[in-house]
N, C-alpha and C. Protein backbone atom coordinates (compact mmCIF):
# COMPACT_ATOMS: atom_id res chain seq x y z
N UNK A 1 37.83 -22.33 22.23
CA UNK A 1 37.56 -23.68 21.81
C UNK A 1 38.47 -24.14 20.68
N UNK A 2 39.23 -23.26 20.07
CA UNK A 2 40.14 -23.69 19.01
C UNK A 2 41.55 -23.86 19.54
N UNK A 3 41.66 -24.05 20.84
CA UNK A 3 42.95 -24.27 21.46
C UNK A 3 43.58 -25.55 20.94
N UNK A 4 44.87 -25.53 20.75
CA UNK A 4 45.57 -26.72 20.26
C UNK A 4 45.63 -27.76 21.38
N UNK A 5 45.23 -28.98 21.05
CA UNK A 5 45.27 -30.10 21.99
C UNK A 5 46.61 -30.80 21.77
N UNK A 6 47.57 -30.68 22.69
CA UNK A 6 48.90 -31.23 22.46
C UNK A 6 48.90 -32.75 22.29
N UNK A 7 47.95 -33.44 22.89
CA UNK A 7 47.92 -34.89 22.74
C UNK A 7 47.58 -35.30 21.31
N UNK A 8 46.76 -34.52 20.65
CA UNK A 8 46.31 -34.87 19.31
C UNK A 8 46.89 -33.97 18.23
N UNK A 9 47.49 -32.87 18.57
CA UNK A 9 48.16 -32.02 17.60
C UNK A 9 47.25 -31.25 16.67
N UNK A 10 46.02 -31.00 17.03
CA UNK A 10 45.11 -30.30 16.15
C UNK A 10 44.72 -28.95 16.72
N UNK A 11 44.72 -27.94 15.87
CA UNK A 11 44.35 -26.60 16.31
C UNK A 11 42.86 -26.33 16.14
N UNK A 12 42.11 -27.26 15.53
CA UNK A 12 40.72 -26.99 15.20
C UNK A 12 39.72 -27.79 16.02
N UNK A 13 40.14 -28.54 16.96
CA UNK A 13 39.23 -29.41 17.68
C UNK A 13 38.99 -28.93 19.10
N UNK A 14 37.88 -29.34 19.62
CA UNK A 14 37.59 -29.17 21.04
C UNK A 14 38.40 -30.24 21.75
N UNK A 15 38.84 -29.99 22.97
CA UNK A 15 39.60 -31.00 23.71
C UNK A 15 38.81 -32.30 23.76
N UNK A 16 39.48 -33.38 23.40
CA UNK A 16 38.84 -34.68 23.35
C UNK A 16 39.10 -35.45 24.64
N UNK A 17 38.13 -36.23 25.08
CA UNK A 17 38.38 -37.06 26.26
C UNK A 17 39.37 -38.16 25.90
N UNK A 18 40.02 -38.77 26.88
CA UNK A 18 41.04 -39.78 26.61
C UNK A 18 40.51 -41.01 25.88
N UNK A 19 39.21 -41.25 25.91
CA UNK A 19 38.63 -42.39 25.23
C UNK A 19 38.49 -42.18 23.72
N UNK A 20 38.70 -40.96 23.26
CA UNK A 20 38.55 -40.62 21.85
C UNK A 20 39.94 -40.38 21.25
N UNK A 21 40.23 -41.06 20.16
CA UNK A 21 41.51 -40.91 19.48
C UNK A 21 41.28 -40.27 18.12
N UNK A 22 41.90 -39.15 17.87
CA UNK A 22 41.82 -38.50 16.56
C UNK A 22 42.72 -39.26 15.60
N UNK A 23 42.15 -39.77 14.53
CA UNK A 23 42.92 -40.52 13.55
C UNK A 23 43.36 -39.67 12.38
N UNK A 24 42.54 -38.71 11.98
CA UNK A 24 42.83 -37.94 10.78
C UNK A 24 42.10 -36.62 10.84
N UNK A 25 42.78 -35.56 10.42
CA UNK A 25 42.12 -34.26 10.27
C UNK A 25 42.69 -33.62 9.02
N UNK A 26 41.82 -33.35 8.05
CA UNK A 26 42.25 -32.74 6.80
C UNK A 26 41.30 -31.61 6.47
N UNK A 27 41.71 -30.74 5.59
CA UNK A 27 40.85 -29.68 5.10
C UNK A 27 40.51 -30.01 3.66
N UNK A 28 39.31 -30.55 3.41
CA UNK A 28 38.96 -30.90 2.03
C UNK A 28 38.63 -29.64 1.23
N UNK A 29 38.64 -29.79 -0.09
CA UNK A 29 38.24 -28.64 -0.92
C UNK A 29 36.77 -28.30 -0.65
N UNK A 30 36.37 -27.13 -1.06
CA UNK A 30 34.98 -26.71 -0.91
C UNK A 30 34.06 -27.74 -1.52
N UNK A 31 32.93 -27.99 -0.88
CA UNK A 31 31.98 -28.95 -1.40
C UNK A 31 30.60 -28.30 -1.46
N UNK A 32 29.95 -28.35 -2.64
CA UNK A 32 28.67 -27.65 -2.79
C UNK A 32 27.51 -28.35 -2.08
N UNK A 33 26.46 -27.56 -1.81
CA UNK A 33 25.23 -28.11 -1.25
C UNK A 33 24.65 -29.14 -2.21
N UNK A 34 23.95 -30.12 -1.66
CA UNK A 34 23.29 -31.11 -2.51
C UNK A 34 24.10 -32.37 -2.73
N UNK A 35 25.27 -32.45 -2.15
CA UNK A 35 26.08 -33.66 -2.28
C UNK A 35 25.52 -34.74 -1.37
N UNK A 36 26.10 -35.92 -1.51
CA UNK A 36 25.68 -37.03 -0.66
C UNK A 36 26.93 -37.73 -0.13
N UNK A 37 26.75 -38.57 0.86
CA UNK A 37 27.87 -39.28 1.44
C UNK A 37 27.63 -40.78 1.43
N UNK A 38 28.73 -41.53 1.49
CA UNK A 38 28.65 -42.98 1.50
C UNK A 38 29.83 -43.51 2.30
N UNK A 39 29.58 -44.46 3.17
CA UNK A 39 30.65 -45.13 3.91
C UNK A 39 30.61 -46.60 3.53
N UNK A 40 31.78 -47.13 3.12
CA UNK A 40 31.88 -48.53 2.71
C UNK A 40 33.03 -49.21 3.44
N UNK A 41 32.94 -50.52 3.59
CA UNK A 41 34.05 -51.33 4.06
C UNK A 41 34.48 -52.19 2.88
N UNK A 42 35.77 -52.17 2.58
CA UNK A 42 36.33 -52.95 1.48
C UNK A 42 37.17 -54.07 2.07
N UNK A 43 36.92 -55.30 1.63
CA UNK A 43 37.66 -56.48 2.06
C UNK A 43 38.40 -57.05 0.86
N UNK A 44 39.70 -56.77 0.73
CA UNK A 44 40.48 -57.33 -0.37
C UNK A 44 41.13 -58.63 0.11
N UNK A 45 41.00 -59.71 -0.67
CA UNK A 45 41.72 -60.94 -0.32
C UNK A 45 43.22 -60.76 -0.54
N UNK A 46 44.04 -61.70 -0.09
CA UNK A 46 45.50 -61.58 -0.26
C UNK A 46 45.88 -61.26 -1.71
N UNK A 47 46.75 -60.27 -1.87
CA UNK A 47 47.27 -59.91 -3.18
C UNK A 47 46.31 -59.24 -4.14
N UNK A 48 45.08 -58.94 -3.73
CA UNK A 48 44.10 -58.32 -4.63
C UNK A 48 44.64 -56.99 -5.15
N UNK A 49 44.56 -56.76 -6.47
CA UNK A 49 45.13 -55.52 -7.03
C UNK A 49 44.31 -54.26 -6.76
N UNK A 50 43.09 -54.40 -6.28
CA UNK A 50 42.24 -53.23 -6.05
C UNK A 50 41.53 -52.83 -7.32
N UNK A 51 40.90 -51.68 -7.28
CA UNK A 51 40.17 -51.18 -8.44
C UNK A 51 41.15 -50.67 -9.50
N UNK A 52 40.75 -50.67 -10.76
CA UNK A 52 41.58 -50.02 -11.78
C UNK A 52 41.62 -48.51 -11.51
N UNK A 53 42.52 -47.78 -12.18
CA UNK A 53 42.58 -46.33 -11.95
C UNK A 53 41.18 -45.70 -12.07
N UNK A 54 40.90 -44.82 -11.12
CA UNK A 54 39.57 -44.21 -11.05
C UNK A 54 39.67 -42.85 -10.36
N UNK A 55 38.55 -42.19 -10.27
CA UNK A 55 38.46 -40.93 -9.51
C UNK A 55 37.11 -40.91 -8.81
N UNK A 56 37.06 -40.10 -7.77
CA UNK A 56 35.82 -39.89 -7.03
C UNK A 56 35.38 -38.44 -7.25
N UNK A 57 34.07 -38.22 -7.27
CA UNK A 57 33.58 -36.87 -7.55
C UNK A 57 33.80 -35.90 -6.39
N UNK A 58 33.99 -36.44 -5.20
CA UNK A 58 34.24 -35.60 -4.03
C UNK A 58 35.31 -36.23 -3.17
N UNK A 59 35.63 -35.62 -2.05
CA UNK A 59 36.69 -36.13 -1.19
C UNK A 59 36.33 -37.47 -0.57
N UNK A 60 37.38 -38.25 -0.26
CA UNK A 60 37.21 -39.55 0.38
C UNK A 60 38.20 -39.64 1.54
N UNK A 61 37.76 -40.25 2.64
CA UNK A 61 38.56 -40.36 3.85
C UNK A 61 38.55 -41.81 4.29
N UNK A 62 39.72 -42.40 4.54
CA UNK A 62 39.76 -43.82 4.84
C UNK A 62 40.60 -44.18 6.04
N UNK A 63 40.34 -45.39 6.54
CA UNK A 63 41.02 -45.95 7.69
C UNK A 63 41.27 -47.43 7.41
N UNK A 64 42.52 -47.88 7.51
CA UNK A 64 42.85 -49.28 7.29
C UNK A 64 42.62 -50.03 8.60
N UNK A 65 41.69 -50.96 8.57
CA UNK A 65 41.30 -51.71 9.76
C UNK A 65 42.21 -52.91 10.01
N UNK A 66 42.63 -53.57 8.93
CA UNK A 66 43.57 -54.69 9.06
C UNK A 66 44.33 -54.85 7.75
N UNK A 67 45.53 -55.39 7.84
CA UNK A 67 46.33 -55.61 6.64
C UNK A 67 47.15 -54.39 6.26
N UNK A 68 47.34 -54.22 4.95
CA UNK A 68 48.15 -53.12 4.43
C UNK A 68 47.64 -52.76 3.04
N UNK A 69 47.40 -51.50 2.81
CA UNK A 69 46.83 -50.98 1.57
C UNK A 69 47.90 -50.28 0.74
N UNK A 70 48.05 -50.69 -0.52
CA UNK A 70 48.95 -49.98 -1.45
C UNK A 70 48.13 -48.82 -2.00
N UNK A 71 48.59 -47.59 -1.78
CA UNK A 71 47.81 -46.39 -2.08
C UNK A 71 48.62 -45.46 -2.96
N UNK A 72 47.99 -44.97 -4.03
CA UNK A 72 48.67 -44.02 -4.92
C UNK A 72 47.67 -43.08 -5.55
N UNK A 73 47.89 -41.80 -5.35
CA UNK A 73 47.13 -40.74 -6.00
C UNK A 73 48.01 -40.04 -7.01
N UNK A 74 47.39 -39.48 -8.02
CA UNK A 74 48.11 -38.73 -9.04
C UNK A 74 48.96 -37.64 -8.38
N UNK A 75 50.25 -37.61 -8.74
CA UNK A 75 51.17 -36.61 -8.23
C UNK A 75 51.89 -37.00 -6.96
N UNK A 76 51.43 -38.04 -6.28
CA UNK A 76 52.06 -38.50 -5.05
C UNK A 76 52.66 -39.89 -5.27
N UNK A 77 53.81 -40.17 -4.68
CA UNK A 77 54.38 -41.50 -4.83
C UNK A 77 53.51 -42.55 -4.14
N UNK A 78 53.51 -43.76 -4.70
CA UNK A 78 52.77 -44.82 -4.05
C UNK A 78 53.40 -45.12 -2.70
N UNK A 79 52.56 -45.55 -1.76
CA UNK A 79 53.04 -45.92 -0.44
C UNK A 79 52.08 -46.93 0.16
N UNK A 80 52.49 -47.52 1.25
CA UNK A 80 51.67 -48.52 1.92
C UNK A 80 51.11 -47.92 3.20
N UNK A 81 49.81 -48.06 3.39
CA UNK A 81 49.15 -47.62 4.60
C UNK A 81 48.81 -48.88 5.39
N UNK A 82 49.42 -49.03 6.55
CA UNK A 82 49.22 -50.23 7.36
C UNK A 82 48.02 -50.07 8.29
N UNK A 83 47.58 -51.20 8.86
CA UNK A 83 46.45 -51.20 9.79
C UNK A 83 46.64 -50.11 10.84
N UNK A 84 45.58 -49.36 11.08
CA UNK A 84 45.62 -48.25 12.02
C UNK A 84 45.95 -46.93 11.35
N UNK A 85 46.34 -46.96 10.07
CA UNK A 85 46.69 -45.75 9.34
C UNK A 85 45.49 -45.20 8.58
N UNK A 86 45.60 -43.93 8.21
CA UNK A 86 44.53 -43.26 7.49
C UNK A 86 45.03 -42.77 6.13
N UNK A 87 44.09 -42.45 5.26
CA UNK A 87 44.40 -41.86 3.96
C UNK A 87 43.23 -40.98 3.57
N UNK A 88 43.49 -40.09 2.62
CA UNK A 88 42.41 -39.26 2.09
C UNK A 88 42.77 -38.85 0.69
N UNK A 89 41.78 -38.49 -0.07
CA UNK A 89 42.00 -37.95 -1.40
C UNK A 89 41.01 -36.82 -1.63
N UNK A 90 41.40 -35.83 -2.43
CA UNK A 90 40.55 -34.66 -2.59
C UNK A 90 39.34 -34.88 -3.49
N UNK A 91 39.38 -35.91 -4.33
CA UNK A 91 38.30 -36.12 -5.29
C UNK A 91 38.44 -35.16 -6.46
N UNK A 92 37.41 -35.09 -7.27
CA UNK A 92 37.45 -34.24 -8.45
C UNK A 92 38.26 -34.86 -9.57
N UNK A 93 39.21 -34.12 -10.10
CA UNK A 93 39.97 -34.53 -11.27
C UNK A 93 41.13 -35.49 -10.96
N UNK A 94 41.51 -35.61 -9.71
CA UNK A 94 42.68 -36.40 -9.32
C UNK A 94 42.43 -37.89 -9.55
N UNK A 95 43.40 -38.55 -10.21
CA UNK A 95 43.28 -39.99 -10.46
C UNK A 95 43.80 -40.77 -9.25
N UNK A 96 43.03 -41.76 -8.85
CA UNK A 96 43.43 -42.68 -7.79
C UNK A 96 43.93 -43.94 -8.49
N UNK A 97 45.26 -44.11 -8.55
CA UNK A 97 45.86 -45.21 -9.30
C UNK A 97 45.79 -46.55 -8.59
N UNK A 98 46.01 -46.56 -7.29
CA UNK A 98 46.10 -47.84 -6.58
C UNK A 98 45.37 -47.81 -5.25
N UNK A 99 44.71 -48.92 -4.96
CA UNK A 99 44.09 -49.13 -3.66
C UNK A 99 44.04 -50.64 -3.36
N UNK A 100 45.08 -51.35 -3.77
CA UNK A 100 45.11 -52.80 -3.63
C UNK A 100 45.73 -53.28 -2.34
N UNK A 101 45.55 -54.58 -2.10
CA UNK A 101 46.12 -55.22 -0.92
C UNK A 101 47.63 -55.37 -1.13
N UNK A 102 48.43 -54.80 -0.26
CA UNK A 102 49.89 -54.88 -0.36
C UNK A 102 50.44 -56.20 0.17
N UNK A 103 49.58 -57.02 0.74
CA UNK A 103 50.02 -58.28 1.34
C UNK A 103 49.67 -59.46 0.44
N UNK A 104 50.66 -60.30 0.08
CA UNK A 104 50.37 -61.46 -0.78
C UNK A 104 49.74 -62.63 -0.02
N UNK A 105 49.79 -62.61 1.32
CA UNK A 105 49.38 -63.77 2.10
C UNK A 105 48.37 -63.48 3.20
N UNK A 106 47.77 -62.30 3.19
CA UNK A 106 46.79 -61.95 4.23
C UNK A 106 45.78 -60.95 3.65
N UNK A 107 44.55 -60.95 4.16
CA UNK A 107 43.56 -60.00 3.67
C UNK A 107 43.84 -58.58 4.18
N UNK A 108 43.24 -57.62 3.51
CA UNK A 108 43.28 -56.22 3.93
C UNK A 108 41.85 -55.70 3.96
N UNK A 109 41.51 -54.99 5.03
CA UNK A 109 40.17 -54.43 5.19
C UNK A 109 40.32 -52.95 5.51
N UNK A 110 39.56 -52.12 4.78
CA UNK A 110 39.58 -50.69 5.08
C UNK A 110 38.19 -50.09 4.94
N UNK A 111 37.98 -49.01 5.66
CA UNK A 111 36.74 -48.27 5.67
C UNK A 111 36.96 -46.94 4.96
N UNK A 112 36.03 -46.56 4.09
CA UNK A 112 36.14 -45.29 3.37
C UNK A 112 34.81 -44.55 3.45
N UNK A 113 34.88 -43.28 3.78
CA UNK A 113 33.72 -42.40 3.70
C UNK A 113 33.97 -41.45 2.54
N UNK A 114 33.05 -41.46 1.58
CA UNK A 114 33.18 -40.65 0.37
C UNK A 114 32.05 -39.64 0.30
N UNK A 115 32.36 -38.47 -0.20
CA UNK A 115 31.36 -37.44 -0.41
C UNK A 115 31.18 -37.30 -1.92
N UNK A 116 29.95 -37.34 -2.36
CA UNK A 116 29.66 -37.31 -3.79
C UNK A 116 29.14 -35.94 -4.20
N UNK A 117 29.71 -35.40 -5.26
CA UNK A 117 29.26 -34.12 -5.79
C UNK A 117 27.85 -34.28 -6.37
N UNK A 118 27.02 -33.24 -6.26
CA UNK A 118 25.65 -33.32 -6.77
C UNK A 118 25.63 -33.71 -8.26
N UNK A 119 24.79 -34.70 -8.58
CA UNK A 119 24.62 -35.10 -9.97
C UNK A 119 25.78 -35.86 -10.58
N UNK A 120 26.77 -36.23 -9.79
CA UNK A 120 27.94 -36.95 -10.29
C UNK A 120 27.97 -38.36 -9.71
N UNK A 121 28.56 -39.31 -10.45
CA UNK A 121 28.71 -40.65 -9.86
C UNK A 121 29.77 -40.63 -8.76
N UNK A 122 29.66 -41.56 -7.82
CA UNK A 122 30.63 -41.64 -6.73
C UNK A 122 32.01 -42.06 -7.24
N UNK A 123 32.03 -42.92 -8.27
CA UNK A 123 33.29 -43.46 -8.77
C UNK A 123 33.22 -43.55 -10.29
N UNK A 124 34.30 -43.12 -10.95
CA UNK A 124 34.39 -43.20 -12.40
C UNK A 124 35.73 -43.82 -12.76
N UNK A 125 35.71 -44.88 -13.57
CA UNK A 125 36.96 -45.49 -14.03
C UNK A 125 37.61 -44.58 -15.08
N UNK A 126 38.94 -44.56 -15.10
CA UNK A 126 39.70 -43.73 -16.04
C UNK A 126 40.15 -44.62 -17.19
N UNK A 127 39.89 -44.19 -18.43
CA UNK A 127 40.26 -45.03 -19.58
C UNK A 127 41.74 -44.89 -19.94
N UNK A 128 42.22 -45.81 -20.75
CA UNK A 128 43.64 -45.87 -21.14
C UNK A 128 44.10 -44.60 -21.83
N UNK A 129 43.26 -44.01 -22.66
CA UNK A 129 43.63 -42.79 -23.37
C UNK A 129 43.92 -41.65 -22.38
N UNK A 130 43.06 -41.47 -21.41
CA UNK A 130 43.29 -40.42 -20.42
C UNK A 130 44.52 -40.71 -19.58
N UNK A 131 44.74 -41.98 -19.23
CA UNK A 131 45.94 -42.33 -18.46
C UNK A 131 47.21 -41.93 -19.22
N UNK A 132 47.22 -42.17 -20.54
CA UNK A 132 48.38 -41.78 -21.37
C UNK A 132 48.53 -40.26 -21.41
N UNK A 133 47.41 -39.54 -21.58
CA UNK A 133 47.45 -38.07 -21.63
C UNK A 133 47.97 -37.46 -20.33
N UNK A 134 47.71 -38.11 -19.21
CA UNK A 134 48.07 -37.56 -17.90
C UNK A 134 49.28 -38.24 -17.28
N UNK A 135 49.96 -39.08 -18.05
CA UNK A 135 51.10 -39.84 -17.51
C UNK A 135 52.15 -38.93 -16.88
N UNK A 136 52.32 -37.73 -17.40
CA UNK A 136 53.32 -36.79 -16.86
C UNK A 136 52.96 -36.31 -15.45
N UNK A 137 51.72 -36.51 -15.02
CA UNK A 137 51.29 -36.09 -13.69
C UNK A 137 51.48 -37.17 -12.63
N UNK A 138 51.81 -38.39 -13.08
CA UNK A 138 52.00 -39.50 -12.14
C UNK A 138 53.40 -39.43 -11.55
N UNK A 139 53.49 -39.62 -10.25
CA UNK A 139 54.79 -39.60 -9.56
C UNK A 139 55.64 -40.76 -10.08
N UNK A 140 56.97 -40.62 -10.04
CA UNK A 140 57.83 -41.74 -10.45
C UNK A 140 57.53 -42.98 -9.64
N UNK A 141 57.58 -44.12 -10.32
CA UNK A 141 57.27 -45.39 -9.69
C UNK A 141 58.55 -46.07 -9.21
N UNK A 142 58.47 -46.83 -8.12
CA UNK A 142 59.64 -47.60 -7.71
C UNK A 142 60.01 -48.58 -8.82
N UNK A 143 61.31 -48.86 -9.03
CA UNK A 143 61.72 -49.75 -10.11
C UNK A 143 61.01 -51.10 -10.10
N UNK A 144 60.80 -51.69 -8.93
CA UNK A 144 60.16 -53.00 -8.86
C UNK A 144 58.69 -52.95 -9.27
N UNK A 145 58.05 -51.77 -9.23
CA UNK A 145 56.64 -51.66 -9.57
C UNK A 145 56.41 -51.85 -11.07
N UNK A 146 57.40 -51.63 -11.90
CA UNK A 146 57.23 -51.74 -13.35
C UNK A 146 57.58 -53.12 -13.88
N UNK A 147 57.98 -54.05 -13.01
CA UNK A 147 58.36 -55.39 -13.47
C UNK A 147 57.15 -56.18 -13.92
């Protein structure tokens, strides 16, 4: 049953029928018993900057339904995830810098399923002091991003 499905490129799945499309497969970090899950749909209007820098207590898995999402995690360069694309983050200590609408003239909608660590909030904003302390962990930004 762990045979690789050449159509989907995954070594861990059971063969899927043609009506099912695998969008994302990741191996999240270990997650303890007692956590909870939440699935949300986010609708950003044109040009919306998204949430300020934050982190999630557990892993998050997302799918862009329409538009284009500007996405940046600590240590990874920012990039745009277009409609039909997926993203994920490990949660924990990693800062999520950007999740805004990359389009100035159209809305962006995405779905996110988040797993929350026991006794922890689902989302915590990161203050300016911590951002300065961890600045060396942020990937270099494109020149136009600092204008």
